């Protein structure tokens, strides 16, 4: 069983003149749980670097990797730490 995935999106942002957030580097403080037919499939992790979104990761827990990006109705979002 796998428990992580390779990057599905890697974002490069020019530093000059762009807005940033004060969220520290690492995963965004929310969890996006993915389910299919009521069964937990994994979660989407949004990564932050230097105040910008730097990547998205689909960390799956199934035997086979996902074949597509989950639809909105297949995710449950949980904000963490009062952010």
N, C-alpha and C. Protein backbone atom coordinates (compact mmCIF):
# COMPACT_ATOMS: atom_id res chain seq x y z
N UNK A 1 0.84 -1.17 0.00
CA UNK A 1 0.00 0.00 0.00
C UNK A 1 0.89 1.24 0.00
N UNK A 2 0.56 2.22 -0.81
CA UNK A 2 1.30 3.48 -0.87
C UNK A 2 0.64 4.50 0.04
N UNK A 3 1.43 5.45 0.50
CA UNK A 3 0.85 6.50 1.34
C UNK A 3 1.28 7.90 0.91
N UNK A 4 1.90 8.02 -0.25
CA UNK A 4 2.23 9.35 -0.76
C UNK A 4 2.35 9.30 -2.27
N UNK A 5 2.32 10.47 -2.88
CA UNK A 5 2.38 10.56 -4.33
C UNK A 5 3.44 11.56 -4.75
N UNK A 6 3.84 11.46 -6.00
CA UNK A 6 4.73 12.48 -6.53
C UNK A 6 3.93 13.76 -6.73
N UNK A 7 4.64 14.86 -6.92
CA UNK A 7 3.98 16.14 -7.17
C UNK A 7 3.11 16.04 -8.42
N UNK A 8 1.90 16.58 -8.35
CA UNK A 8 1.06 16.63 -9.54
C UNK A 8 1.05 18.04 -10.13
N UNK A 9 1.52 19.00 -9.35
CA UNK A 9 1.62 20.37 -9.84
C UNK A 9 2.74 21.04 -9.08
N UNK A 10 3.65 21.64 -9.78
CA UNK A 10 4.75 22.37 -9.17
C UNK A 10 4.68 23.80 -9.70
N UNK A 11 4.50 24.76 -8.81
CA UNK A 11 4.27 26.15 -9.20
C UNK A 11 5.51 26.98 -8.92
N UNK A 12 5.95 27.74 -9.89
CA UNK A 12 7.07 28.66 -9.73
C UNK A 12 6.51 30.08 -9.84
N UNK A 13 6.74 30.91 -8.82
CA UNK A 13 6.21 32.27 -8.79
C UNK A 13 7.37 33.26 -8.73
N UNK A 14 7.31 34.28 -9.58
CA UNK A 14 8.31 35.35 -9.51
C UNK A 14 8.13 36.10 -8.20
N UNK A 15 9.22 36.40 -7.52
CA UNK A 15 9.15 37.00 -6.19
C UNK A 15 8.81 38.49 -6.19
N UNK A 16 9.18 39.22 -7.20
CA UNK A 16 9.00 40.67 -7.16
C UNK A 16 7.55 41.07 -7.44
N UNK A 17 7.01 41.90 -6.55
CA UNK A 17 5.70 42.48 -6.75
C UNK A 17 4.51 41.56 -6.55
N UNK A 18 4.71 40.37 -5.98
CA UNK A 18 3.58 39.47 -5.76
C UNK A 18 3.22 39.44 -4.29
N UNK A 19 1.94 39.25 -4.02
CA UNK A 19 1.46 39.17 -2.63
C UNK A 19 1.86 37.83 -2.03
N UNK A 20 2.07 37.83 -0.73
CA UNK A 20 2.41 36.60 -0.03
C UNK A 20 1.53 36.45 1.21
N UNK A 21 1.57 35.29 1.81
CA UNK A 21 0.87 35.03 3.05
C UNK A 21 1.89 34.85 4.17
N UNK A 22 1.45 35.00 5.39
CA UNK A 22 2.35 34.81 6.52
C UNK A 22 2.36 33.36 7.01
N UNK A 23 1.68 32.48 6.31
CA UNK A 23 1.68 31.05 6.68
C UNK A 23 3.10 30.52 6.50
N UNK A 24 3.62 29.81 7.50
CA UNK A 24 5.00 29.30 7.38
C UNK A 24 5.13 28.25 6.28
N UNK A 25 6.37 28.05 5.83
CA UNK A 25 6.65 27.03 4.82
C UNK A 25 6.17 25.67 5.30
N UNK A 26 5.64 24.91 4.38
CA UNK A 26 5.14 23.57 4.69
C UNK A 26 3.73 23.41 4.20
N UNK A 27 3.02 22.41 4.72
CA UNK A 27 1.65 22.19 4.27
C UNK A 27 0.71 23.30 4.74
N UNK A 28 -0.22 23.70 3.88
CA UNK A 28 -1.25 24.68 4.23
C UNK A 28 -2.05 24.13 5.40
N UNK A 29 -2.43 24.98 6.37
CA UNK A 29 -3.09 24.48 7.59
C UNK A 29 -4.57 24.12 7.39
N UNK A 30 -4.82 23.26 6.44
CA UNK A 30 -6.15 22.68 6.22
C UNK A 30 -5.94 21.30 5.62
N UNK A 31 -6.92 20.43 5.79
CA UNK A 31 -6.81 19.09 5.21
C UNK A 31 -7.97 18.89 4.26
N UNK A 32 -7.70 18.35 3.10
CA UNK A 32 -8.71 18.06 2.10
C UNK A 32 -8.77 16.55 1.93
N UNK A 33 -9.66 15.92 2.69
CA UNK A 33 -9.80 14.47 2.66
C UNK A 33 -10.57 14.07 1.40
N UNK A 34 -10.08 13.06 0.70
CA UNK A 34 -10.71 12.58 -0.53
C UNK A 34 -11.38 11.24 -0.25
N UNK A 35 -12.65 11.13 -0.68
CA UNK A 35 -13.36 9.86 -0.53
C UNK A 35 -14.06 9.51 -1.84
N UNK A 36 -14.29 8.24 -2.01
CA UNK A 36 -15.02 7.74 -3.17
C UNK A 36 -16.02 6.71 -2.67
N UNK A 37 -17.29 6.96 -2.93
CA UNK A 37 -18.37 6.09 -2.44
C UNK A 37 -18.27 5.88 -0.93
N UNK A 38 -17.91 6.94 -0.21
CA UNK A 38 -17.82 6.87 1.24
C UNK A 38 -16.56 6.26 1.79
N UNK A 39 -15.62 5.88 0.94
CA UNK A 39 -14.38 5.25 1.38
C UNK A 39 -13.22 6.23 1.25
N UNK A 40 -12.45 6.36 2.33
CA UNK A 40 -11.29 7.27 2.36
C UNK A 40 -10.27 6.83 1.32
N UNK A 41 -9.84 7.78 0.46
CA UNK A 41 -8.88 7.50 -0.60
C UNK A 41 -7.53 8.17 -0.38
N UNK A 42 -7.50 9.18 0.51
CA UNK A 42 -6.27 9.94 0.76
C UNK A 42 -6.61 11.40 1.00
N UNK A 43 -5.66 12.28 0.70
CA UNK A 43 -5.93 13.70 0.87
C UNK A 43 -5.07 14.53 -0.06
N UNK A 44 -5.53 15.75 -0.31
CA UNK A 44 -4.80 16.71 -1.11
C UNK A 44 -4.03 17.60 -0.14
N UNK A 45 -2.74 17.77 -0.39
CA UNK A 45 -1.91 18.63 0.45
C UNK A 45 -1.46 19.82 -0.40
N UNK A 46 -1.70 21.02 0.12
CA UNK A 46 -1.27 22.25 -0.55
C UNK A 46 -0.01 22.71 0.17
N UNK A 47 1.09 22.83 -0.58
CA UNK A 47 2.38 23.21 0.00
C UNK A 47 2.64 24.69 -0.19
N UNK A 48 3.19 25.34 0.85
CA UNK A 48 3.52 26.76 0.86
C UNK A 48 5.03 26.91 0.98
N UNK A 49 5.61 27.77 0.15
CA UNK A 49 7.03 28.12 0.24
C UNK A 49 7.16 29.62 0.06
N UNK A 50 7.81 30.28 1.01
CA UNK A 50 8.04 31.72 0.95
C UNK A 50 6.75 32.50 0.73
N UNK A 51 5.66 32.05 1.36
CA UNK A 51 4.40 32.77 1.30
C UNK A 51 3.57 32.54 0.06
N UNK A 52 3.97 31.61 -0.80
CA UNK A 52 3.25 31.30 -2.03
C UNK A 52 2.90 29.81 -2.08
N UNK A 53 1.86 29.46 -2.82
CA UNK A 53 1.58 28.05 -3.09
C UNK A 53 2.71 27.54 -3.97
N UNK A 54 3.36 26.47 -3.54
CA UNK A 54 4.49 25.95 -4.30
C UNK A 54 4.21 24.58 -4.90
N UNK A 55 3.15 23.92 -4.47
CA UNK A 55 2.83 22.62 -5.05
C UNK A 55 1.58 22.02 -4.47
N UNK A 56 1.04 21.04 -5.19
CA UNK A 56 -0.11 20.26 -4.74
C UNK A 56 0.29 18.80 -4.78
N UNK A 57 -0.16 18.06 -3.78
CA UNK A 57 0.19 16.64 -3.70
C UNK A 57 -1.07 15.85 -3.38
N UNK A 58 -1.28 14.75 -4.07
CA UNK A 58 -2.37 13.84 -3.75
C UNK A 58 -1.73 12.66 -3.03
N UNK A 59 -1.87 12.62 -1.72
CA UNK A 59 -1.32 11.54 -0.91
C UNK A 59 -2.41 10.47 -0.78
N UNK A 60 -2.26 9.38 -1.53
CA UNK A 60 -3.31 8.37 -1.54
C UNK A 60 -2.95 7.18 -0.66
N UNK A 61 -3.97 6.42 -0.27
CA UNK A 61 -3.76 5.26 0.60
C UNK A 61 -4.28 3.97 -0.05
N UNK A 62 -4.60 4.06 -1.32
CA UNK A 62 -5.10 2.89 -2.04
C UNK A 62 -3.93 2.14 -2.69
N UNK A 63 -4.19 0.94 -3.16
CA UNK A 63 -3.15 0.15 -3.81
C UNK A 63 -2.71 0.74 -5.14
N UNK A 64 -3.63 1.37 -5.85
CA UNK A 64 -3.34 1.96 -7.15
C UNK A 64 -3.34 3.48 -7.05
N UNK A 65 -2.47 4.16 -7.79
CA UNK A 65 -2.46 5.62 -7.76
C UNK A 65 -3.74 6.18 -8.38
N UNK A 66 -4.12 7.40 -7.99
CA UNK A 66 -5.32 8.01 -8.58
C UNK A 66 -5.13 8.23 -10.07
N UNK A 67 -6.22 8.18 -10.81
CA UNK A 67 -6.17 8.39 -12.25
C UNK A 67 -6.66 9.78 -12.65
N UNK A 68 -7.18 10.53 -11.67
CA UNK A 68 -7.68 11.87 -11.95
C UNK A 68 -7.69 12.69 -10.66
N UNK A 69 -7.82 14.00 -10.84
CA UNK A 69 -7.96 14.92 -9.72
C UNK A 69 -9.36 14.78 -9.14
N UNK A 70 -9.53 14.76 -7.80
CA UNK A 70 -10.87 14.59 -7.23
C UNK A 70 -11.77 15.78 -7.52
N UNK A 71 -13.05 15.50 -7.63
CA UNK A 71 -14.05 16.54 -7.80
C UNK A 71 -14.40 17.14 -6.44
N UNK A 72 -14.96 18.34 -6.44
CA UNK A 72 -15.26 19.05 -5.19
C UNK A 72 -16.12 18.21 -4.24
N UNK A 73 -17.11 17.52 -4.76
CA UNK A 73 -18.01 16.74 -3.90
C UNK A 73 -17.32 15.50 -3.32
N UNK A 74 -16.13 15.19 -3.77
CA UNK A 74 -15.39 14.04 -3.26
C UNK A 74 -14.39 14.44 -2.17
N UNK A 75 -14.38 15.72 -1.78
CA UNK A 75 -13.45 16.20 -0.76
C UNK A 75 -14.19 16.81 0.43
N UNK A 76 -13.65 16.57 1.61
CA UNK A 76 -14.11 17.21 2.84
C UNK A 76 -12.95 18.03 3.37
N UNK A 77 -13.15 19.34 3.53
CA UNK A 77 -12.10 20.26 3.97
C UNK A 77 -12.22 20.50 5.47
N UNK A 78 -11.08 20.40 6.16
CA UNK A 78 -11.01 20.65 7.60
C UNK A 78 -9.90 21.66 7.85
N UNK A 79 -10.26 22.85 8.34
CA UNK A 79 -9.26 23.88 8.67
C UNK A 79 -8.63 23.52 10.01
N UNK A 80 -7.31 23.69 10.09
CA UNK A 80 -6.59 23.34 11.31
C UNK A 80 -6.02 24.58 11.99
N UNK A 81 -5.90 24.53 13.29
CA UNK A 81 -5.19 25.55 14.05
C UNK A 81 -5.78 26.95 14.01
N UNK A 82 -7.04 27.11 13.67
CA UNK A 82 -7.67 28.43 13.72
C UNK A 82 -7.16 29.41 12.69
N UNK A 83 -6.53 28.93 11.60
CA UNK A 83 -6.01 29.82 10.55
C UNK A 83 -7.14 30.39 9.73
